[in-house]
N, C-alpha and C. Protein backbone atom coordinates (compact mmCIF):
# COMPACT_ATOMS: atom_id res chain seq x y z
N LEU A 1 0.83 -1.19 0.00
CA LEU A 1 0.00 0.00 0.00
C LEU A 1 0.87 1.25 0.00
N ILE A 2 0.37 2.30 -0.57
CA ILE A 2 1.13 3.54 -0.70
C ILE A 2 1.52 4.09 0.67
N ALA A 3 0.60 4.06 1.65
CA ALA A 3 0.91 4.59 2.98
C ALA A 3 2.10 3.86 3.60
N SER A 4 2.16 2.56 3.44
CA SER A 4 3.29 1.79 3.97
C SER A 4 4.59 2.18 3.31
N LYS A 5 4.57 2.34 2.00
CA LYS A 5 5.77 2.72 1.26
C LYS A 5 6.26 4.10 1.68
N VAL A 6 5.34 5.05 1.79
CA VAL A 6 5.72 6.40 2.20
C VAL A 6 6.29 6.37 3.62
N ALA A 7 5.63 5.65 4.52
CA ALA A 7 6.09 5.57 5.91
C ALA A 7 7.49 4.96 5.99
N GLN A 8 7.73 3.93 5.20
CA GLN A 8 9.05 3.29 5.19
C GLN A 8 10.11 4.21 4.58
N ASP A 9 9.78 4.83 3.45
CA ASP A 9 10.74 5.68 2.75
C ASP A 9 11.14 6.91 3.57
N TYR A 10 10.20 7.46 4.33
CA TYR A 10 10.45 8.70 5.06
C TYR A 10 10.54 8.50 6.58
N ASN A 11 10.50 7.24 7.03
CA ASN A 11 10.59 6.93 8.45
C ASN A 11 9.62 7.78 9.27
N CYS A 12 8.33 7.66 8.89
CA CYS A 12 7.31 8.47 9.53
C CYS A 12 6.00 7.66 9.60
N THR A 13 4.98 8.30 10.10
CA THR A 13 3.65 7.73 10.01
C THR A 13 2.94 8.43 8.86
N ALA A 14 2.34 7.67 7.98
CA ALA A 14 1.62 8.22 6.83
C ALA A 14 0.14 7.88 6.95
N ALA A 15 -0.69 8.87 6.68
CA ALA A 15 -2.14 8.68 6.70
C ALA A 15 -2.71 9.19 5.39
N ILE A 16 -3.51 8.36 4.76
CA ILE A 16 -4.18 8.73 3.52
C ILE A 16 -5.67 8.58 3.78
N THR A 17 -6.39 9.70 3.65
CA THR A 17 -7.82 9.67 3.93
C THR A 17 -8.64 9.62 2.65
N GLY A 18 -9.80 9.07 2.79
CA GLY A 18 -10.73 8.92 1.68
C GLY A 18 -11.91 8.11 2.15
N LYS A 19 -12.58 7.43 1.23
CA LYS A 19 -13.71 6.59 1.63
C LYS A 19 -13.26 5.56 2.67
N ILE A 20 -12.10 4.98 2.45
CA ILE A 20 -11.43 4.13 3.44
C ILE A 20 -10.09 4.78 3.72
N ASP A 21 -9.82 5.04 4.99
CA ASP A 21 -8.58 5.69 5.39
C ASP A 21 -7.51 4.64 5.65
N THR A 22 -6.27 4.97 5.33
CA THR A 22 -5.15 4.06 5.56
C THR A 22 -4.09 4.77 6.38
N VAL A 23 -3.60 4.08 7.41
CA VAL A 23 -2.55 4.63 8.27
C VAL A 23 -1.46 3.58 8.40
N SER A 24 -0.20 4.02 8.24
CA SER A 24 0.93 3.11 8.39
C SER A 24 2.10 3.83 9.04
N ASP A 25 2.84 3.08 9.85
CA ASP A 25 4.10 3.60 10.40
C ASP A 25 5.28 2.87 9.77
N GLY A 26 5.03 2.14 8.70
CA GLY A 26 6.08 1.38 8.03
C GLY A 26 6.19 -0.05 8.51
N LYS A 27 5.67 -0.32 9.71
CA LYS A 27 5.65 -1.68 10.25
C LYS A 27 4.23 -2.21 10.31
N ARG A 28 3.34 -1.36 10.77
CA ARG A 28 1.91 -1.71 10.85
C ARG A 28 1.15 -0.90 9.81
N CYS A 29 0.04 -1.46 9.36
CA CYS A 29 -0.81 -0.74 8.42
C CYS A 29 -2.26 -1.14 8.70
N VAL A 30 -3.12 -0.13 8.85
CA VAL A 30 -4.53 -0.39 9.09
C VAL A 30 -5.38 0.41 8.11
N GLN A 31 -6.56 -0.12 7.88
CA GLN A 31 -7.57 0.61 7.13
C GLN A 31 -8.72 0.90 8.09
N LEU A 32 -9.18 2.13 8.06
CA LEU A 32 -10.26 2.60 8.92
C LEU A 32 -11.47 2.87 8.04
N SER A 33 -12.57 2.18 8.33
CA SER A 33 -13.74 2.23 7.45
C SER A 33 -14.93 2.92 8.11
N ASN A 34 -14.71 4.07 8.69
CA ASN A 34 -15.80 4.84 9.27
C ASN A 34 -16.02 6.09 8.44
N GLY A 35 -16.98 6.89 8.86
CA GLY A 35 -17.23 8.16 8.19
C GLY A 35 -18.56 8.17 7.47
N HIS A 36 -18.85 9.32 6.90
CA HIS A 36 -20.06 9.50 6.11
C HIS A 36 -19.73 10.44 4.96
N ALA A 37 -20.36 10.23 3.82
CA ALA A 37 -20.09 11.04 2.63
C ALA A 37 -20.32 12.53 2.88
N MET A 38 -21.19 12.86 3.82
CA MET A 38 -21.48 14.26 4.08
C MET A 38 -20.27 15.02 4.64
N LEU A 39 -19.30 14.29 5.20
CA LEU A 39 -18.08 14.95 5.68
C LEU A 39 -17.40 15.74 4.56
N SER A 40 -17.48 15.25 3.34
CA SER A 40 -16.84 15.94 2.21
C SER A 40 -17.63 17.17 1.77
N SER A 41 -18.83 17.36 2.30
CA SER A 41 -19.65 18.53 1.95
C SER A 41 -19.43 19.70 2.89
N VAL A 42 -18.67 19.49 3.95
CA VAL A 42 -18.43 20.54 4.94
C VAL A 42 -16.96 20.98 4.82
N THR A 43 -16.76 22.24 4.52
CA THR A 43 -15.42 22.78 4.39
C THR A 43 -14.68 22.70 5.73
N GLY A 44 -13.45 22.22 5.68
CA GLY A 44 -12.59 22.23 6.86
C GLY A 44 -12.49 20.93 7.61
N THR A 45 -13.17 19.88 7.17
CA THR A 45 -13.09 18.63 7.93
C THR A 45 -11.71 17.98 7.84
N GLY A 46 -11.03 18.18 6.73
CA GLY A 46 -9.66 17.67 6.61
C GLY A 46 -8.72 18.44 7.53
N CYS A 47 -8.89 19.75 7.58
CA CYS A 47 -8.08 20.58 8.47
C CYS A 47 -8.40 20.24 9.93
N LEU A 48 -9.66 19.99 10.21
CA LEU A 48 -10.07 19.59 11.56
C LEU A 48 -9.36 18.30 11.97
N THR A 49 -9.31 17.34 11.06
CA THR A 49 -8.65 16.07 11.34
C THR A 49 -7.15 16.28 11.56
N SER A 50 -6.53 17.15 10.79
CA SER A 50 -5.12 17.46 10.98
C SER A 50 -4.87 18.11 12.34
N ALA A 51 -5.75 19.01 12.74
CA ALA A 51 -5.62 19.64 14.05
C ALA A 51 -5.78 18.61 15.17
N LEU A 52 -6.72 17.69 15.00
CA LEU A 52 -6.88 16.62 15.98
C LEU A 52 -5.63 15.74 16.04
N ALA A 53 -5.02 15.49 14.89
CA ALA A 53 -3.80 14.68 14.87
C ALA A 53 -2.70 15.37 15.69
N GLY A 54 -2.61 16.67 15.58
CA GLY A 54 -1.65 17.42 16.38
C GLY A 54 -1.95 17.33 17.87
N ALA A 55 -3.23 17.43 18.21
CA ALA A 55 -3.63 17.32 19.61
C ALA A 55 -3.34 15.93 20.16
N PHE A 56 -3.67 14.92 19.37
CA PHE A 56 -3.40 13.55 19.79
C PHE A 56 -1.90 13.31 19.92
N ALA A 57 -1.11 13.89 19.00
CA ALA A 57 0.34 13.72 19.05
C ALA A 57 0.92 14.35 20.33
N GLY A 58 0.27 15.38 20.83
CA GLY A 58 0.71 15.99 22.07
C GLY A 58 0.40 15.15 23.29
N ALA A 59 -0.50 14.19 23.13
CA ALA A 59 -0.91 13.35 24.26
C ALA A 59 -0.15 12.03 24.32
N THR A 60 0.51 11.64 23.23
CA THR A 60 1.26 10.38 23.20
C THR A 60 2.43 10.51 22.25
N SER A 61 3.46 9.75 22.49
CA SER A 61 4.62 9.78 21.58
C SER A 61 4.45 8.78 20.43
N ASN A 62 3.32 8.08 20.38
CA ASN A 62 3.07 7.08 19.35
C ASN A 62 2.29 7.72 18.20
N SER A 63 3.00 8.08 17.15
CA SER A 63 2.36 8.79 16.03
C SER A 63 1.34 7.93 15.28
N PHE A 64 1.54 6.63 15.27
CA PHE A 64 0.59 5.73 14.62
C PHE A 64 -0.77 5.80 15.33
N ILE A 65 -0.73 5.69 16.66
CA ILE A 65 -1.96 5.77 17.46
C ILE A 65 -2.59 7.15 17.35
N SER A 66 -1.75 8.18 17.33
CA SER A 66 -2.26 9.55 17.19
C SER A 66 -3.03 9.73 15.88
N ALA A 67 -2.44 9.28 14.80
CA ALA A 67 -3.09 9.42 13.49
C ALA A 67 -4.40 8.64 13.44
N CYS A 68 -4.37 7.40 13.92
CA CYS A 68 -5.59 6.59 13.93
C CYS A 68 -6.66 7.24 14.80
N GLY A 69 -6.28 7.72 15.97
CA GLY A 69 -7.23 8.35 16.87
C GLY A 69 -7.88 9.59 16.27
N ALA A 70 -7.07 10.42 15.62
CA ALA A 70 -7.60 11.63 15.02
C ALA A 70 -8.58 11.31 13.89
N ILE A 71 -8.19 10.40 13.02
CA ILE A 71 -9.05 10.05 11.89
C ILE A 71 -10.33 9.39 12.38
N LEU A 72 -10.21 8.48 13.33
CA LEU A 72 -11.40 7.82 13.87
C LEU A 72 -12.32 8.81 14.57
N THR A 73 -11.76 9.77 15.28
CA THR A 73 -12.59 10.77 15.95
C THR A 73 -13.46 11.51 14.94
N THR A 74 -12.85 12.01 13.88
CA THR A 74 -13.60 12.74 12.87
C THR A 74 -14.61 11.84 12.16
N SER A 75 -14.17 10.66 11.75
CA SER A 75 -15.05 9.81 10.94
C SER A 75 -16.21 9.24 11.76
N ILE A 76 -15.96 8.82 12.98
CA ILE A 76 -17.05 8.32 13.83
C ILE A 76 -18.00 9.47 14.18
N ALA A 77 -17.44 10.64 14.47
CA ALA A 77 -18.28 11.81 14.76
C ALA A 77 -19.14 12.15 13.54
N GLY A 78 -18.60 11.96 12.34
CA GLY A 78 -19.38 12.19 11.13
C GLY A 78 -20.57 11.26 11.02
N GLU A 79 -20.37 10.00 11.38
CA GLU A 79 -21.48 9.04 11.36
C GLU A 79 -22.54 9.44 12.38
N ILE A 80 -22.10 9.77 13.57
CA ILE A 80 -23.03 10.16 14.64
C ILE A 80 -23.78 11.43 14.24
N ALA A 81 -23.07 12.41 13.72
CA ALA A 81 -23.68 13.67 13.31
C ALA A 81 -24.74 13.46 12.22
N TYR A 82 -24.42 12.61 11.27
CA TYR A 82 -25.40 12.37 10.20
C TYR A 82 -26.66 11.72 10.77
N HIS A 83 -26.50 10.77 11.65
CA HIS A 83 -27.68 10.10 12.23
C HIS A 83 -28.49 11.05 13.10
N ARG A 84 -27.84 12.01 13.72
CA ARG A 84 -28.56 12.96 14.58
C ARG A 84 -29.35 13.97 13.77
N CYS A 85 -28.74 14.53 12.71
CA CYS A 85 -29.46 15.58 11.99
C CYS A 85 -28.95 15.85 10.58
N GLY A 86 -28.29 14.88 9.98
CA GLY A 86 -27.76 15.08 8.64
C GLY A 86 -28.80 15.36 7.58
N SER A 87 -30.00 14.87 7.80
CA SER A 87 -31.04 15.08 6.80
C SER A 87 -31.52 16.53 6.76
N TYR A 88 -31.15 17.33 7.77
CA TYR A 88 -31.54 18.74 7.79
C TYR A 88 -30.68 19.59 6.87
N GLY A 89 -29.46 19.16 6.61
CA GLY A 89 -28.57 19.92 5.74
C GLY A 89 -27.18 20.05 6.33
N THR A 90 -26.30 20.68 5.55
CA THR A 90 -24.89 20.73 5.95
C THR A 90 -24.64 21.61 7.17
N GLY A 91 -25.42 22.65 7.37
CA GLY A 91 -25.24 23.51 8.54
C GLY A 91 -25.51 22.76 9.82
N SER A 92 -26.62 22.06 9.86
CA SER A 92 -26.97 21.26 11.04
C SER A 92 -25.97 20.13 11.23
N PHE A 93 -25.56 19.52 10.12
CA PHE A 93 -24.56 18.45 10.19
C PHE A 93 -23.26 18.98 10.79
N HIS A 94 -22.83 20.16 10.35
CA HIS A 94 -21.58 20.75 10.83
C HIS A 94 -21.61 20.94 12.35
N ILE A 95 -22.69 21.49 12.86
CA ILE A 95 -22.82 21.71 14.31
C ILE A 95 -22.86 20.36 15.03
N ALA A 96 -23.60 19.39 14.48
CA ALA A 96 -23.69 18.06 15.10
C ALA A 96 -22.32 17.37 15.09
N LEU A 97 -21.52 17.63 14.07
CA LEU A 97 -20.17 17.07 13.99
C LEU A 97 -19.31 17.60 15.14
N ILE A 98 -19.35 18.90 15.36
CA ILE A 98 -18.58 19.50 16.46
C ILE A 98 -19.09 18.95 17.79
N ASP A 99 -20.40 18.83 17.95
CA ASP A 99 -20.96 18.26 19.17
C ASP A 99 -20.48 16.83 19.39
N ALA A 100 -20.48 16.04 18.34
CA ALA A 100 -20.07 14.63 18.45
C ALA A 100 -18.58 14.52 18.79
N ILE A 101 -17.76 15.40 18.24
CA ILE A 101 -16.34 15.39 18.57
C ILE A 101 -16.14 15.77 20.03
N SER A 102 -16.88 16.77 20.48
CA SER A 102 -16.70 17.23 21.86
C SER A 102 -17.15 16.21 22.89
N SER A 103 -17.98 15.27 22.48
CA SER A 103 -18.44 14.25 23.43
C SER A 103 -17.87 12.87 23.12
N MET A 104 -16.84 12.81 22.27
CA MET A 104 -16.20 11.54 21.93
C MET A 104 -15.56 10.92 23.17
N SER A 105 -15.66 9.61 23.28
CA SER A 105 -15.08 8.90 24.43
C SER A 105 -14.45 7.60 23.96
N ASN A 106 -13.68 6.99 24.85
CA ASN A 106 -13.11 5.68 24.55
C ASN A 106 -14.20 4.68 24.23
N ALA A 107 -15.28 4.70 24.99
CA ALA A 107 -16.37 3.74 24.79
C ALA A 107 -17.00 3.90 23.41
N ILE A 108 -17.19 5.14 22.98
CA ILE A 108 -17.77 5.38 21.65
C ILE A 108 -16.81 4.89 20.57
N MET A 109 -15.52 5.20 20.73
CA MET A 109 -14.51 4.74 19.76
C MET A 109 -14.52 3.23 19.64
N ILE A 110 -14.50 2.55 20.78
CA ILE A 110 -14.47 1.08 20.77
C ILE A 110 -15.74 0.52 20.14
N LYS A 111 -16.87 1.13 20.42
CA LYS A 111 -18.15 0.64 19.90
C LYS A 111 -18.25 0.78 18.38
N TYR A 112 -17.76 1.90 17.83
CA TYR A 112 -18.00 2.20 16.42
C TYR A 112 -16.82 1.98 15.47
N ALA A 113 -15.62 1.91 15.99
CA ALA A 113 -14.44 1.85 15.10
C ALA A 113 -14.42 0.59 14.26
N HIS A 114 -14.21 0.77 12.97
CA HIS A 114 -14.04 -0.34 12.03
C HIS A 114 -12.58 -0.29 11.56
N ILE A 115 -11.75 -1.16 12.15
CA ILE A 115 -10.32 -1.17 11.88
C ILE A 115 -9.94 -2.55 11.33
N THR A 116 -9.25 -2.52 10.19
CA THR A 116 -8.77 -3.76 9.59
C THR A 116 -7.27 -3.65 9.41
N GLU A 117 -6.54 -4.61 9.95
CA GLU A 117 -5.09 -4.64 9.76
C GLU A 117 -4.80 -5.23 8.38
N VAL A 118 -3.93 -4.55 7.64
CA VAL A 118 -3.58 -5.02 6.29
C VAL A 118 -2.08 -5.24 6.17
C-alpha cells in the first residue's frame, strides 16, 4: 500500500484519507472504514482532522496511534452527526459534527471503530 511505502521511505507515520482511510508507520498498516459522505460537503473537515492529529500527538509519543485516533474521531463523529441531523442539511450536520467530537469517548470509539489490519 502507498501509505506503507511512504512511511518506510520517510521513516514516519503516513495517513491517507478517503472513503477508506489508511494509516501506516512502516511496520503496521490499518484501514479505517468509518465516516459519512457528508463529511466531504463541509469545508474544513480535513483541516479539523489534521488539528486533531496534532492534539493527539501531544498526548502520546506514538504517532501511529495519534493518526488513527484523530481520523477515527472525525469519521465516527461524522457518522453520529449524520444520524442525529444530517437530513436537515450541511449547517446542522456541521454543528452536530462538532458536538459529536466534543463528546467523543473511549467507549464510543471502541463501539463504532471499524479497523482492519492489512
